[in-house]
Protein backbone atom coordinates (compact mmCIF):
# COMPACT_ATOMS: atom_id res chain seq x y z
CA UNK A 1 37.51 -84.98 26.88
CA UNK A 2 38.28 -86.85 30.10
CA UNK A 3 37.22 -90.42 30.63
CA UNK A 4 34.05 -90.91 32.64
CA UNK A 5 34.87 -92.56 35.94
CA UNK A 6 31.36 -92.62 37.44
CA UNK A 7 27.74 -92.23 36.41
CA UNK A 8 27.46 -88.64 37.77
CA UNK A 9 30.47 -87.70 35.63
CA UNK A 10 28.74 -89.32 32.64
CA UNK A 11 25.52 -87.35 33.11
CA UNK A 12 27.48 -84.16 33.66
CA UNK A 13 29.34 -84.68 30.39
CA UNK A 14 26.09 -85.25 28.50
CA UNK A 15 24.48 -82.20 30.10
CA UNK A 16 27.49 -80.12 29.06
CA UNK A 17 26.93 -80.99 25.40
CA UNK A 18 28.93 -84.15 24.66
CA UNK A 19 27.26 -85.91 21.75
CA UNK A 20 29.77 -88.63 20.80
CA UNK A 21 30.52 -91.44 23.26
CA UNK A 22 32.69 -94.45 22.54
CA UNK A 23 32.33 -97.30 25.07
CA UNK A 24 34.74 -100.21 24.72
CA UNK A 25 36.23 -103.10 26.67
CA UNK A 26 36.02 -106.82 27.35
CA UNK A 27 33.79 -106.54 30.46
CA UNK A 28 30.58 -106.87 28.44
CA UNK A 29 28.20 -106.54 31.37
CA UNK A 30 29.84 -103.26 32.44
CA UNK A 31 29.90 -101.96 28.88
CA UNK A 32 26.20 -102.73 28.58
CA UNK A 33 25.45 -100.92 31.83
CA UNK A 34 27.09 -97.74 30.54
CA UNK A 35 25.31 -98.00 27.18
CA UNK A 36 21.97 -98.49 28.94
CA UNK A 37 22.60 -95.35 31.01
CA UNK A 38 23.49 -93.34 27.93
CA UNK A 39 20.48 -94.58 25.98
CA UNK A 40 18.10 -93.86 28.85
CA UNK A 41 19.39 -90.29 29.09
CA UNK A 42 19.02 -89.75 25.35
CA UNK A 43 15.65 -91.47 24.93
CA UNK A 44 14.18 -89.22 27.63
CA UNK A 45 15.03 -86.27 25.38
CA UNK A 46 14.39 -87.59 21.86
CA UNK A 47 10.62 -87.34 21.62
CA UNK A 48 9.05 -90.21 19.70
CA UNK A 49 11.38 -93.22 19.86
CA UNK A 50 10.01 -94.65 16.63
CA UNK A 51 11.35 -91.61 14.79
CA UNK A 52 14.48 -90.65 16.71
CA UNK A 53 15.98 -93.76 18.32
CA UNK A 54 17.84 -96.41 16.34
CA UNK A 55 20.18 -99.34 17.00
CA UNK A 56 22.61 -101.04 14.64
CA UNK A 57 25.43 -103.59 14.88
CA UNK A 58 28.79 -103.33 13.19
CA UNK A 59 28.48 -106.87 11.85
CA UNK A 60 25.24 -106.05 9.98
CA UNK A 61 25.20 -105.28 6.27
CA UNK A 62 23.21 -102.15 7.13
CA UNK A 63 25.71 -100.84 9.68
CA UNK A 64 26.62 -97.82 7.54
CA UNK A 65 22.99 -96.63 7.77
CA UNK A 66 23.69 -95.70 11.39
CA UNK A 67 25.99 -92.89 10.22
CA UNK A 68 23.46 -91.62 7.69
CA UNK A 69 20.78 -91.56 10.40
CA UNK A 70 23.13 -89.84 12.85
CA UNK A 71 23.53 -86.96 10.39
CA UNK A 72 19.77 -86.60 9.93
CA UNK A 73 17.92 -83.84 11.79
CA UNK A 74 15.63 -85.30 14.49
CA UNK A 75 11.89 -85.34 13.81
CA UNK A 76 9.77 -83.13 16.09
CA UNK A 77 12.41 -83.27 18.85
CA UNK A 78 15.69 -81.69 19.89
CA UNK A 79 17.72 -84.88 19.83
CA UNK A 80 18.23 -88.14 17.98
CA UNK A 81 19.84 -91.22 19.60
CA UNK A 82 21.92 -93.62 17.49
CA UNK A 83 23.63 -96.70 18.93
CA UNK A 84 26.16 -98.68 16.89
CA UNK A 85 27.39 -101.81 18.68
CA UNK A 86 30.01 -104.48 17.92
CA UNK A 87 32.41 -102.22 16.07
CA UNK A 88 35.11 -104.84 16.66
CA UNK A 89 33.16 -106.98 14.14
CA UNK A 90 32.68 -104.19 11.60
CA UNK A 91 34.61 -104.00 8.34
CA UNK A 92 37.17 -101.29 7.65
CA UNK A 93 34.83 -99.08 5.61
CA UNK A 94 32.32 -98.86 8.48
CA UNK A 95 35.07 -98.05 10.99
CA UNK A 96 36.38 -95.39 8.60
CA UNK A 97 32.93 -93.80 8.45
CA UNK A 98 32.63 -93.87 12.24
CA UNK A 99 35.97 -92.11 12.64
CA UNK A 100 34.92 -89.52 10.04
CA UNK A 101 31.64 -88.95 11.86
CA UNK A 102 33.39 -88.54 15.21
CA UNK A 103 35.56 -85.85 13.66
CA UNK A 104 32.46 -83.88 12.57
CA UNK A 105 29.51 -85.05 14.68
CA UNK A 106 25.97 -83.73 14.46
CA UNK A 107 25.13 -81.50 17.45
CA UNK A 108 21.54 -82.83 17.49
CA UNK A 109 22.45 -86.56 17.73
CA UNK A 110 23.71 -88.53 20.69
CA UNK A 111 25.93 -91.06 18.91
CA UNK A 112 26.93 -94.06 21.03
CA UNK A 113 29.60 -96.32 19.51
CA UNK A 114 30.32 -99.61 21.26
CA UNK A 115 33.08 -102.20 20.82
CA UNK A 116 34.47 -105.26 22.52
CA UNK A 117 38.08 -106.33 21.98
CA UNK A 118 39.63 -105.84 18.55
CA UNK A 119 41.96 -108.48 17.19
CA UNK A 120 45.59 -107.58 16.68
CA UNK A 121 45.99 -105.46 13.57
CA UNK A 122 47.96 -107.21 10.84
CA UNK A 123 50.96 -105.57 9.28
CA UNK A 124 49.82 -102.95 6.79
CA UNK A 125 46.25 -102.79 8.17
CA UNK A 126 44.83 -99.82 10.05
CA UNK A 127 44.62 -100.13 13.81
CA UNK A 128 40.93 -99.35 14.28
CA UNK A 129 41.02 -99.82 18.04
CA UNK A 130 43.50 -96.97 18.38
CA UNK A 131 41.95 -94.76 15.69
CA UNK A 132 38.48 -94.97 17.23
CA UNK A 133 39.81 -94.23 20.69
CA UNK A 134 41.78 -91.23 19.47
CA UNK A 135 38.80 -89.81 17.58
CA UNK A 136 36.55 -90.22 20.62
CA UNK A 137 39.06 -88.59 22.97
CA UNK A 138 39.41 -85.63 20.64
CA UNK A 139 35.74 -84.97 19.91
CA UNK A 140 33.69 -86.78 22.53
CA UNK A 141 33.88 -89.10 25.49
CA UNK A 142 35.92 -92.30 25.74
CA UNK A 143 34.84 -94.88 28.32
CA UNK A 144 36.75 -98.12 28.92
CA UNK A 145 35.36 -101.06 30.86
CA UNK A 146 37.94 -103.83 31.17
CA UNK A 147 37.71 -106.94 33.33
CA UNK A 148 41.28 -106.56 34.60
CA UNK A 149 40.34 -103.25 36.22
CA UNK A 150 37.47 -104.76 38.22
CA UNK A 151 37.59 -106.80 41.42
CA UNK A 152 35.22 -109.77 40.93
CA UNK A 153 34.49 -109.80 44.68
CA UNK A 154 33.61 -106.11 44.69
CA UNK A 155 31.53 -106.53 41.53
CA UNK A 156 29.57 -109.41 43.11
CA UNK A 157 28.94 -107.32 46.24
CA UNK A 158 27.73 -104.29 44.25
CA UNK A 159 25.60 -106.34 41.86
CA UNK A 160 23.98 -108.11 44.80
CA UNK A 161 23.05 -104.76 46.33
CA UNK A 162 21.37 -103.83 43.05
CA UNK A 163 19.07 -106.88 43.19
CA UNK A 164 18.13 -106.43 46.84
CA UNK A 165 20.74 -108.67 48.48
CA UNK A 166 23.36 -108.15 51.14
CA UNK A 167 26.44 -110.15 50.15
CA UNK A 168 29.14 -110.03 52.82
CA UNK A 169 32.85 -110.08 51.99
CA UNK A 170 33.29 -113.69 53.09
CA UNK A 171 30.25 -114.80 51.10
CA UNK A 172 31.42 -112.83 48.07
CA UNK A 173 34.82 -114.54 48.26
CA UNK A 174 33.12 -117.95 48.39
CA UNK A 175 30.84 -117.06 45.47
CA UNK A 176 33.78 -116.07 43.29
CA UNK A 177 35.57 -119.27 44.28
CA UNK A 178 32.51 -121.32 43.29
CA UNK A 179 31.52 -119.49 40.11
CA UNK A 180 34.79 -118.04 38.78
CA UNK A 181 35.85 -114.52 37.88
CA UNK A 182 33.79 -114.01 34.70
CA UNK A 183 31.65 -110.95 35.52
CA UNK A 184 28.71 -111.96 33.35
CA UNK A 185 28.53 -115.38 34.96
CA UNK A 186 28.84 -113.83 38.43
CA UNK A 187 25.97 -111.46 37.65
CA UNK A 188 23.73 -114.33 36.51
CA UNK A 189 24.41 -116.34 39.67
CA UNK A 190 23.81 -113.32 41.91
CA UNK A 191 20.48 -112.80 40.13
CA UNK A 192 19.63 -116.48 40.67
CA UNK A 193 20.33 -115.99 44.38
CA UNK A 194 17.99 -113.00 44.33
CA UNK A 195 15.19 -115.12 42.86
CA UNK A 196 15.93 -118.00 45.23
CA UNK A 197 15.80 -115.69 48.28
CA UNK A 198 12.83 -113.68 46.94
CA UNK A 199 14.79 -110.43 47.14
CA UNK A 200 12.84 -107.27 46.28
CA UNK A 201 15.12 -104.31 45.53
CA UNK A 202 13.82 -101.07 46.97
CA UNK A 203 11.41 -102.81 49.33
CA UNK A 204 12.65 -102.93 52.90
CA UNK A 205 16.03 -104.20 54.04
CA UNK A 206 18.30 -106.20 51.68
CA UNK A 207 18.08 -109.99 52.10
CA UNK A 208 21.26 -111.45 53.53
CA UNK A 209 22.92 -114.14 51.41
CA UNK A 210 23.75 -117.18 53.51
CA UNK A 211 26.22 -119.95 52.88
CA UNK A 212 23.35 -122.42 52.70
CA UNK A 213 21.68 -120.43 49.89
CA UNK A 214 24.93 -120.24 47.91
CA UNK A 215 25.55 -123.94 48.36
CA UNK A 216 22.03 -124.72 47.12
CA UNK A 217 22.15 -122.45 44.07
CA UNK A 218 25.81 -122.84 43.12
CA UNK A 219 25.97 -126.61 43.59
CA UNK A 220 23.25 -126.83 40.95
CA UNK A 221 25.38 -124.56 38.74
CA UNK A 222 28.47 -126.72 39.27
CA UNK A 223 26.56 -129.91 38.54
CA UNK A 224 25.03 -128.42 35.39
CA UNK A 225 28.43 -127.40 34.01
CA UNK A 226 29.61 -131.03 34.10
CA UNK A 227 26.42 -132.63 32.71
CA UNK A 228 27.55 -132.12 29.10
CA UNK A 229 30.58 -134.29 29.83
CA UNK A 230 28.48 -136.95 31.52
CA UNK A 231 25.91 -136.77 28.71
CA UNK A 232 28.66 -137.43 26.15
CA UNK A 233 29.75 -140.50 28.11
CA UNK A 234 26.18 -141.77 28.46
CA UNK A 235 25.58 -141.30 24.73
CA UNK A 236 28.91 -142.97 23.89
CA UNK A 237 29.72 -139.76 22.00
CA UNK A 238 33.47 -139.39 22.39
CA UNK A 239 33.65 -136.08 20.51
CA UNK A 240 31.00 -134.44 22.69
CA UNK A 241 32.54 -135.77 25.90
CA UNK A 242 36.11 -134.73 25.05
CA UNK A 243 34.98 -131.29 23.88
CA UNK A 244 33.17 -130.78 27.19
CA UNK A 245 36.16 -132.09 29.16
CA UNK A 246 38.66 -129.82 27.43
CA UNK A 247 36.37 -126.81 27.89
CA UNK A 248 36.03 -127.48 31.61
CA UNK A 249 39.78 -127.99 32.03
CA UNK A 250 40.54 -124.80 30.09
CA UNK A 251 38.12 -122.97 32.43
CA UNK A 252 40.40 -123.95 35.31
CA UNK A 253 38.41 -126.85 36.75
CA UNK A 254 40.55 -129.35 38.66
CA UNK A 255 40.67 -132.90 37.19
CA UNK A 256 39.91 -134.51 40.55
CA UNK A 257 36.86 -132.29 41.02
CA UNK A 258 35.59 -133.14 37.52
CA UNK A 259 36.20 -136.83 38.18
CA UNK A 260 34.18 -136.65 41.42
CA UNK A 261 31.31 -134.85 39.66
CA UNK A 262 31.26 -137.38 36.79
CA UNK A 263 31.25 -140.28 39.28
CA UNK A 264 28.30 -138.75 41.13
CA UNK A 265 26.36 -138.08 37.95
CA UNK A 266 27.09 -141.52 36.47
CA UNK A 267 25.77 -143.11 39.66
CA UNK A 268 22.54 -141.15 39.17
CA UNK A 269 22.38 -142.17 35.52
CA UNK A 270 23.05 -145.85 36.25
CA UNK A 271 20.49 -145.81 39.06
CA UNK A 272 17.99 -144.31 36.61
CA UNK A 273 18.81 -147.01 34.06
CA UNK A 274 18.18 -149.77 36.61
CA UNK A 275 14.86 -148.19 37.65
CA UNK A 276 13.72 -147.91 34.02
CA UNK A 277 14.62 -151.55 33.43
CA UNK A 278 12.37 -152.42 36.37
CA UNK A 279 9.51 -150.63 34.63
CA UNK A 280 9.10 -147.60 36.92
CA UNK A 281 7.33 -144.56 35.39
CA UNK A 282 9.34 -141.45 34.51
CA UNK A 283 8.22 -139.32 37.46
CA UNK A 284 9.18 -142.09 39.88
CA UNK A 285 12.59 -142.52 38.25
CA UNK A 286 13.31 -138.79 38.47
CA UNK A 287 12.36 -138.69 42.12
CA UNK A 288 14.11 -141.90 43.14
CA UNK A 289 17.34 -141.27 41.20
CA UNK A 290 17.23 -137.50 41.89
CA UNK A 291 17.56 -136.80 38.17
CA UNK A 292 16.21 -133.29 37.64
CA UNK A 293 17.23 -133.30 33.96
CA UNK A 294 15.25 -134.73 31.07
CA UNK A 295 15.33 -138.53 30.95
CA UNK A 296 15.90 -138.89 27.20
CA UNK A 297 19.58 -139.81 27.50
CA UNK A 298 18.93 -142.14 30.43
CA UNK A 299 16.15 -143.87 28.49
CA UNK A 300 18.42 -144.22 25.45
CA UNK A 301 21.16 -145.71 27.63
CA UNK A 302 18.69 -148.09 29.26
CA UNK A 303 17.74 -149.45 25.83
CA UNK A 304 21.25 -149.67 24.38
CA UNK A 305 22.91 -151.06 27.51
CA UNK A 306 20.51 -154.01 27.54
CA UNK A 307 22.99 -155.58 25.08
CA UNK A 308 25.46 -157.68 27.14
CA UNK A 309 28.32 -156.28 25.03
CA UNK A 310 27.55 -152.68 25.94
CA UNK A 311 30.12 -151.06 28.30
CA UNK A 312 27.32 -149.91 30.63
CA UNK A 313 25.48 -153.24 30.71
CA UNK A 314 26.93 -154.17 34.11
CA UNK A 315 27.08 -151.23 36.60
CA UNK A 316 29.69 -153.08 38.66
CA UNK A 317 32.09 -153.01 35.71
CA UNK A 318 31.59 -149.26 35.27
CA UNK A 319 32.23 -148.57 38.93
CA UNK A 320 35.31 -150.80 38.88
CA UNK A 321 36.72 -148.67 36.04
CA UNK A 322 36.02 -145.52 38.05
CA UNK A 323 37.78 -146.98 41.09
CA UNK A 324 40.87 -147.84 39.03
CA UNK A 325 40.93 -144.33 37.56
CA UNK A 326 40.68 -142.83 41.03
CA UNK A 327 43.68 -144.92 42.15
CA UNK A 328 45.67 -143.78 39.10
CA UNK A 329 44.82 -140.13 39.74
CA UNK A 330 45.92 -140.35 43.35
CA UNK A 331 49.19 -142.08 42.45
CA UNK A 332 50.11 -139.63 39.66
CA UNK A 333 48.99 -136.09 40.63
CA UNK A 334 50.95 -134.48 37.80
CA UNK A 335 49.22 -136.65 35.23
CA UNK A 336 45.62 -136.30 36.38
CA UNK A 337 44.58 -134.56 33.16
CA UNK A 338 45.80 -137.52 31.11
CA UNK A 339 44.22 -140.09 33.43
CA UNK A 340 40.85 -138.34 33.23
CA UNK A 341 41.04 -137.97 29.45
CA UNK A 342 41.92 -141.66 29.08
CA UNK A 343 39.00 -142.62 31.32
CA UNK A 344 36.56 -140.57 29.23
CA UNK A 345 37.80 -142.17 26.01
CA UNK A 346 37.53 -145.64 27.57
CA UNK A 347 33.99 -145.06 28.86
CA UNK A 348 32.90 -143.75 25.48
CA UNK A 349 34.31 -146.65 23.50
CA UNK A 350 33.92 -149.58 25.84
């Protein structure tokens, strides 16, 4: 069977009698879209869902039941729909049963097998990724959805159209630059833009995405991604702060950008601490310091930093440390990662 390259091809294959489909790849959101399409087609033809539609996961102890159900004649309907996800987490015996089923599938069951990325097979072990693909190609339909085959800009544009937005090429480029190339994350931010702009798919003209809207929505996203790091510093929790820092750096965030975000957030936190010390109520502190997060960590810091020996007791000392770190980062561009890491450790330990 040929690979499905579009949804019309997928429906055509199902209408022609294909009853085994194996969907795999690391682009989870695209894999899910294909599985949803397959399920919808099957459910519309399986009669009572309670009797003829079942879902399992390869990591479950009951995963093998999916194959037993797939071989069972549907109840009061022409078709049964069985979905078995996460085969990359299944043990060898389950994968063996899936391959055996694909070789002799039931003509009255639409069997949808789904997998992410398999780990590299160890020497002497069976390569289930290859075996499952070969069985699906021989007796059913093999569909791959891999991130490397998808343009993030094009994906953002198409996903925006699906939620009632018009995202121009320039705006799509900017969105990818702000959010990154992870398709799932892009989809979530496009959907946030749709909510923010009150887009209504299928009702009138698509709402145009403006730079101002992206700046509003995505600046909140950028700030949120760094709050874990700032929270670790405020709590004096070196492990939490370093874990957050290393995650952000591994995601490709620039040290100078992270430093600027931490400085901005620490100013908000320190402002909040000063307002709490003056006895202002919570709602006034949030509004004045523009702290849209919960105040628990700020309140904790306000109490602990009342001790003169606490590293955050004197805001001027904190800001002096930040200024010195900024000078060091500017004078040693190649060592910015180390300067930022040293600053985080220093702020967490006093």
